[in-house]
């Protein structure tokens, strides 16, 4: 079954769909095509915990019921820095849209009832 993922790092978000049987290493290869960094320079996280490369997405808990297209699961991404250490996982919160202007808000309908 397909799983839908949001891979997030700082302000970057990459949407990926894969199979439950896809390994984390294979997922890194998919991400590599977008971010242009080697798989050895990436660490992936689920809920702040490092995910091992040999595990499948299903092993980690990403299933078609927990990672749907309309509600993708989030995976954190950290890159290796120039000194060889990995950066601390940093995911910037998504912004919230502003309130609708008054003219665009649904209007209460006024119903007119004839009097008896």
N, C-alpha and C. Protein backbone atom coordinates (compact mmCIF):
# COMPACT_ATOMS: atom_id res chain seq x y z
N UNK A 1 0.84 -1.19 0.00
CA UNK A 1 0.00 0.00 0.00
C UNK A 1 0.88 1.24 0.00
N UNK A 2 0.34 2.31 -0.55
CA UNK A 2 1.07 3.57 -0.61
C UNK A 2 1.00 4.32 0.72
N UNK A 3 2.11 4.97 1.06
CA UNK A 3 2.15 5.88 2.19
C UNK A 3 2.59 7.24 1.66
N UNK A 4 2.06 8.28 2.24
CA UNK A 4 2.34 9.64 1.80
C UNK A 4 3.05 10.37 2.93
N UNK A 5 4.18 10.98 2.60
CA UNK A 5 5.05 11.57 3.61
C UNK A 5 5.39 13.02 3.29
N UNK A 6 5.55 13.81 4.35
CA UNK A 6 6.10 15.16 4.25
C UNK A 6 7.48 15.08 4.91
N UNK A 7 8.52 15.25 4.13
CA UNK A 7 9.87 15.26 4.67
C UNK A 7 10.21 16.72 4.93
N UNK A 8 10.48 17.06 6.21
CA UNK A 8 10.64 18.47 6.59
C UNK A 8 11.99 18.73 7.22
N UNK A 9 12.56 19.86 6.83
CA UNK A 9 13.81 20.37 7.40
C UNK A 9 13.74 21.89 7.34
N UNK A 10 13.86 22.53 8.48
CA UNK A 10 13.74 23.98 8.59
C UNK A 10 12.49 24.43 7.85
N UNK A 11 12.62 25.27 6.81
CA UNK A 11 11.45 25.75 6.07
C UNK A 11 11.16 24.93 4.82
N UNK A 12 11.95 23.88 4.58
CA UNK A 12 11.79 23.05 3.38
C UNK A 12 10.83 21.89 3.66
N UNK A 13 9.94 21.64 2.71
CA UNK A 13 9.04 20.49 2.78
C UNK A 13 9.06 19.78 1.44
N UNK A 14 9.28 18.47 1.47
CA UNK A 14 9.28 17.65 0.26
C UNK A 14 8.19 16.60 0.46
N UNK A 15 7.27 16.51 -0.49
CA UNK A 15 6.21 15.50 -0.44
C UNK A 15 6.65 14.28 -1.23
N UNK A 16 6.52 13.11 -0.61
CA UNK A 16 6.97 11.86 -1.22
C UNK A 16 5.88 10.81 -1.00
N UNK A 17 5.65 9.99 -2.03
CA UNK A 17 4.81 8.81 -1.79
C UNK A 17 5.65 7.58 -2.08
N UNK A 18 5.46 6.56 -1.25
CA UNK A 18 6.24 5.34 -1.35
C UNK A 18 5.37 4.18 -0.89
N UNK A 19 5.92 3.00 -0.92
CA UNK A 19 5.23 1.80 -0.44
C UNK A 19 5.62 1.54 1.01
N UNK A 20 4.75 0.84 1.74
CA UNK A 20 5.07 0.47 3.12
C UNK A 20 6.33 -0.38 3.17
N UNK A 21 6.62 -1.11 2.10
CA UNK A 21 7.78 -2.00 2.05
C UNK A 21 9.07 -1.28 1.66
N UNK A 22 9.01 0.02 1.36
CA UNK A 22 10.19 0.81 1.02
C UNK A 22 11.08 0.96 2.25
N UNK A 23 12.39 0.73 2.07
CA UNK A 23 13.30 0.92 3.20
C UNK A 23 13.62 2.40 3.37
N UNK A 24 14.10 2.74 4.55
CA UNK A 24 14.48 4.13 4.82
C UNK A 24 15.62 4.53 3.89
N UNK A 25 16.53 3.61 3.58
CA UNK A 25 17.63 3.90 2.66
C UNK A 25 17.08 4.24 1.27
N UNK A 26 16.07 3.50 0.80
CA UNK A 26 15.45 3.80 -0.49
C UNK A 26 14.75 5.15 -0.47
N UNK A 27 14.12 5.48 0.66
CA UNK A 27 13.48 6.80 0.82
C UNK A 27 14.52 7.90 0.72
N UNK A 28 15.68 7.70 1.32
CA UNK A 28 16.76 8.69 1.23
C UNK A 28 17.17 8.91 -0.23
N UNK A 29 17.18 7.84 -1.02
CA UNK A 29 17.54 7.97 -2.44
C UNK A 29 16.51 8.82 -3.18
N UNK A 30 15.22 8.67 -2.81
CA UNK A 30 14.18 9.50 -3.42
C UNK A 30 14.40 10.97 -3.05
N UNK A 31 14.71 11.21 -1.79
CA UNK A 31 14.93 12.58 -1.32
C UNK A 31 16.18 13.17 -1.96
N UNK A 32 17.22 12.34 -2.15
CA UNK A 32 18.47 12.79 -2.77
C UNK A 32 18.22 13.44 -4.12
N UNK A 33 17.27 12.91 -4.89
CA UNK A 33 16.97 13.47 -6.20
C UNK A 33 16.43 14.88 -6.13
N UNK A 34 15.85 15.26 -5.01
CA UNK A 34 15.28 16.61 -4.85
C UNK A 34 16.28 17.55 -4.19
N UNK A 35 16.93 17.11 -3.11
CA UNK A 35 17.78 18.00 -2.33
C UNK A 35 19.23 18.02 -2.79
N UNK A 36 19.60 17.09 -3.67
CA UNK A 36 20.95 17.03 -4.25
C UNK A 36 22.04 16.88 -3.19
N UNK A 37 21.76 16.05 -2.18
CA UNK A 37 22.74 15.71 -1.15
C UNK A 37 22.82 14.19 -1.09
N UNK A 38 23.97 13.65 -0.75
CA UNK A 38 24.16 12.21 -0.68
C UNK A 38 23.38 11.58 0.46
N UNK A 39 23.01 10.33 0.29
CA UNK A 39 22.24 9.64 1.32
C UNK A 39 23.03 9.52 2.63
N UNK A 40 24.35 9.45 2.53
CA UNK A 40 25.18 9.36 3.74
C UNK A 40 25.20 10.68 4.51
N UNK A 41 24.75 11.76 3.86
CA UNK A 41 24.70 13.08 4.50
C UNK A 41 23.34 13.38 5.10
N UNK A 42 22.45 12.37 5.17
CA UNK A 42 21.09 12.58 5.69
C UNK A 42 20.81 11.67 6.87
N UNK A 43 20.04 12.21 7.81
CA UNK A 43 19.45 11.41 8.88
C UNK A 43 17.96 11.72 8.85
N UNK A 44 17.14 10.67 8.99
CA UNK A 44 15.69 10.85 9.00
C UNK A 44 15.15 10.52 10.40
N UNK A 45 14.12 11.27 10.79
CA UNK A 45 13.57 11.14 12.13
C UNK A 45 12.05 11.00 12.09
N UNK A 46 11.53 10.18 13.00
CA UNK A 46 10.09 10.11 13.22
C UNK A 46 9.85 10.51 14.67
N UNK A 47 9.07 11.55 14.85
CA UNK A 47 8.75 12.07 16.19
C UNK A 47 10.02 12.31 17.00
N UNK A 48 11.06 12.83 16.34
CA UNK A 48 12.31 13.18 17.02
C UNK A 48 13.28 12.04 17.22
N UNK A 49 12.90 10.80 16.86
CA UNK A 49 13.78 9.64 17.03
C UNK A 49 14.37 9.23 15.69
N UNK A 50 15.67 8.93 15.69
CA UNK A 50 16.37 8.53 14.48
C UNK A 50 15.79 7.23 13.93
N UNK A 51 15.60 7.17 12.62
CA UNK A 51 15.08 5.97 11.95
C UNK A 51 16.25 5.25 11.31
N UNK A 52 16.36 3.95 11.55
CA UNK A 52 17.45 3.14 10.99
C UNK A 52 17.22 2.88 9.50
N UNK A 53 18.32 2.95 8.71
CA UNK A 53 18.26 2.82 7.26
C UNK A 53 17.67 1.50 6.77
N UNK A 54 17.92 0.39 7.47
CA UNK A 54 17.49 -0.92 6.98
C UNK A 54 16.01 -1.20 7.27
N UNK A 55 15.37 -0.41 8.10
CA UNK A 55 13.95 -0.62 8.42
C UNK A 55 13.08 -0.21 7.24
N UNK A 56 11.91 -0.85 7.13
CA UNK A 56 10.95 -0.42 6.11
C UNK A 56 10.05 0.65 6.73
N UNK A 57 9.36 1.38 5.88
CA UNK A 57 8.44 2.40 6.39
C UNK A 57 7.34 1.75 7.23
N UNK A 58 6.90 0.57 6.83
CA UNK A 58 5.90 -0.15 7.62
C UNK A 58 6.44 -0.55 8.99
N UNK A 59 7.72 -0.97 9.05
CA UNK A 59 8.35 -1.32 10.33
C UNK A 59 8.35 -0.14 11.31
N UNK A 60 8.54 1.04 10.75
CA UNK A 60 8.64 2.26 11.56
C UNK A 60 7.27 2.75 12.00
N UNK A 61 6.21 2.27 11.32
CA UNK A 61 4.86 2.68 11.71
C UNK A 61 4.13 3.53 10.69
N UNK A 62 4.73 3.70 9.50
CA UNK A 62 4.05 4.45 8.44
C UNK A 62 3.25 3.46 7.60
N UNK A 63 1.94 3.54 7.70
CA UNK A 63 1.06 2.65 6.96
C UNK A 63 0.08 3.48 6.14
N UNK A 64 -0.68 2.81 5.30
CA UNK A 64 -1.66 3.52 4.47
C UNK A 64 -2.74 4.17 5.32
N UNK A 65 -2.91 3.73 6.54
CA UNK A 65 -3.92 4.37 7.41
C UNK A 65 -3.34 5.51 8.24
N UNK A 66 -2.02 5.53 8.45
CA UNK A 66 -1.41 6.61 9.24
C UNK A 66 -0.73 7.67 8.38
N UNK A 67 -0.55 7.40 7.10
CA UNK A 67 0.12 8.34 6.19
C UNK A 67 -0.66 8.41 4.89
N UNK A 68 -1.80 9.10 4.95
CA UNK A 68 -2.70 9.19 3.80
C UNK A 68 -2.39 10.43 2.96
N UNK A 69 -2.88 10.44 1.73
CA UNK A 69 -2.63 11.57 0.83
C UNK A 69 -3.17 12.87 1.42
N UNK A 70 -4.35 12.83 2.02
CA UNK A 70 -4.95 14.04 2.57
C UNK A 70 -4.39 14.39 3.95
N UNK A 71 -3.62 13.49 4.55
CA UNK A 71 -3.00 13.74 5.86
C UNK A 71 -1.66 13.02 5.91
N UNK A 72 -0.65 13.53 5.18
CA UNK A 72 0.64 12.83 5.13
C UNK A 72 1.34 12.84 6.49
N UNK A 73 2.13 11.80 6.74
CA UNK A 73 2.93 11.71 7.96
C UNK A 73 4.19 12.57 7.79
N UNK A 74 4.71 13.06 8.89
CA UNK A 74 5.89 13.92 8.85
C UNK A 74 7.14 13.13 9.22
N UNK A 75 8.19 13.34 8.43
CA UNK A 75 9.51 12.79 8.71
C UNK A 75 10.46 13.98 8.78
N UNK A 76 11.28 14.02 9.82
CA UNK A 76 12.28 15.08 9.95
C UNK A 76 13.55 14.71 9.21
N UNK A 77 14.24 15.72 8.67
CA UNK A 77 15.47 15.53 7.91
C UNK A 77 16.56 16.42 8.49
N UNK A 78 17.73 15.83 8.73
CA UNK A 78 18.90 16.60 9.17
C UNK A 78 20.06 16.26 8.24
N UNK A 79 20.88 17.25 7.93
CA UNK A 79 22.03 17.07 7.05
C UNK A 79 23.34 17.06 7.85
N UNK A 80 24.34 16.41 7.25
CA UNK A 80 25.68 16.43 7.82
C UNK A 80 26.30 17.80 7.52
N UNK A 81 26.95 18.37 8.52
CA UNK A 81 27.61 19.67 8.35
C UNK A 81 29.04 19.46 7.87
N UNK A 82 29.72 20.57 7.53
CA UNK A 82 31.08 20.50 7.00
C UNK A 82 32.06 19.85 7.96
N UNK A 83 31.82 19.99 9.27
CA UNK A 83 32.75 19.41 10.25
C UNK A 83 32.51 17.91 10.46
N UNK A 84 31.53 17.33 9.75
CA UNK A 84 31.27 15.90 9.84
C UNK A 84 30.18 15.52 10.82
N UNK A 85 29.77 16.46 11.67
CA UNK A 85 28.68 16.16 12.60
C UNK A 85 27.35 16.50 11.92
N UNK A 86 26.29 15.99 12.49
CA UNK A 86 24.97 16.26 11.93
C UNK A 86 24.32 17.43 12.66
N UNK A 87 23.59 18.24 11.89
CA UNK A 87 22.87 19.35 12.50
C UNK A 87 21.76 18.82 13.40
N UNK A 88 21.33 19.66 14.32
CA UNK A 88 20.21 19.31 15.18
C UNK A 88 18.94 19.41 14.34
N UNK A 89 18.04 18.46 14.53
CA UNK A 89 16.78 18.48 13.79
C UNK A 89 16.04 19.79 14.05
N UNK A 90 15.70 20.49 12.99
CA UNK A 90 15.04 21.79 13.11
C UNK A 90 13.94 21.86 12.06
N UNK A 91 12.69 21.89 12.52
CA UNK A 91 11.55 21.99 11.61
C UNK A 91 10.79 23.25 11.98
N UNK A 92 10.71 24.18 11.06
CA UNK A 92 9.97 25.42 11.28
C UNK A 92 8.48 25.14 11.19
N UNK A 93 7.73 25.69 12.14
CA UNK A 93 6.28 25.51 12.12
C UNK A 93 5.69 26.06 10.83
N UNK A 94 4.65 25.40 10.36
CA UNK A 94 3.94 25.89 9.19
C UNK A 94 3.16 27.14 9.58
N UNK A 95 3.06 28.06 8.65
CA UNK A 95 2.33 29.29 8.94
C UNK A 95 0.83 29.01 8.89
N UNK A 96 0.08 29.86 9.54
CA UNK A 96 -1.38 29.75 9.48
C UNK A 96 -1.88 30.87 8.59
N UNK A 97 -2.89 30.59 7.79
CA UNK A 97 -3.39 31.64 6.89
C UNK A 97 -4.08 32.73 7.69
N UNK A 98 -4.12 33.95 7.14
CA UNK A 98 -4.81 35.03 7.84
C UNK A 98 -6.32 34.81 7.82
N UNK A 99 -7.02 35.52 8.69
CA UNK A 99 -8.48 35.43 8.72
C UNK A 99 -9.04 35.95 7.40
N UNK A 100 -10.20 35.41 7.03
CA UNK A 100 -10.88 35.88 5.83
C UNK A 100 -11.38 37.30 6.03
N UNK A 101 -11.30 38.14 5.00
CA UNK A 101 -11.91 39.47 5.10
C UNK A 101 -13.43 39.32 5.29
N UNK A 102 -14.03 40.31 5.90
CA UNK A 102 -15.47 40.25 6.21
C UNK A 102 -16.32 39.97 4.97
N UNK A 103 -15.96 40.57 3.83
CA UNK A 103 -16.77 40.39 2.61
C UNK A 103 -16.73 38.96 2.09
N UNK A 104 -15.73 38.18 2.51
CA UNK A 104 -15.62 36.80 2.03
C UNK A 104 -16.20 35.79 3.03
N UNK A 105 -16.55 36.22 4.21
CA UNK A 105 -17.10 35.32 5.21
C UNK A 105 -18.54 34.99 4.84
N UNK A 106 -18.98 33.78 5.15
CA UNK A 106 -20.36 33.41 4.84
C UNK A 106 -21.34 34.34 5.58
N UNK A 107 -22.33 34.77 4.84
CA UNK A 107 -23.33 35.67 5.42
C UNK A 107 -24.47 34.84 6.01
N UNK A 108 -25.01 35.32 7.10
CA UNK A 108 -26.18 34.66 7.67
C UNK A 108 -27.36 34.95 6.77
N UNK A 109 -28.07 33.91 6.42
CA UNK A 109 -29.23 34.14 5.54
C UNK A 109 -30.41 34.59 6.38
N UNK A 110 -31.11 35.57 5.87
CA UNK A 110 -32.29 36.09 6.55
C UNK A 110 -33.48 35.45 5.87
N UNK A 111 -34.24 34.72 6.64
CA UNK A 111 -35.42 34.08 6.05
C UNK A 111 -36.65 34.92 6.42
N UNK A 112 -37.49 35.08 5.44
CA UNK A 112 -38.70 35.86 5.63
C UNK A 112 -39.87 34.88 5.68
N UNK A 113 -40.58 34.89 6.77
CA UNK A 113 -41.73 34.02 6.94
C UNK A 113 -42.98 34.87 6.89
N UNK A 114 -43.93 34.51 6.04
CA UNK A 114 -45.16 35.28 6.03
C UNK A 114 -45.90 35.13 7.35
N UNK A 115 -46.48 36.22 7.78
CA UNK A 115 -47.24 36.19 9.03
C UNK A 115 -48.66 35.74 8.74
N UNK A 116 -49.19 34.98 9.65
CA UNK A 116 -50.57 34.47 9.48
C UNK A 116 -51.57 35.45 9.97
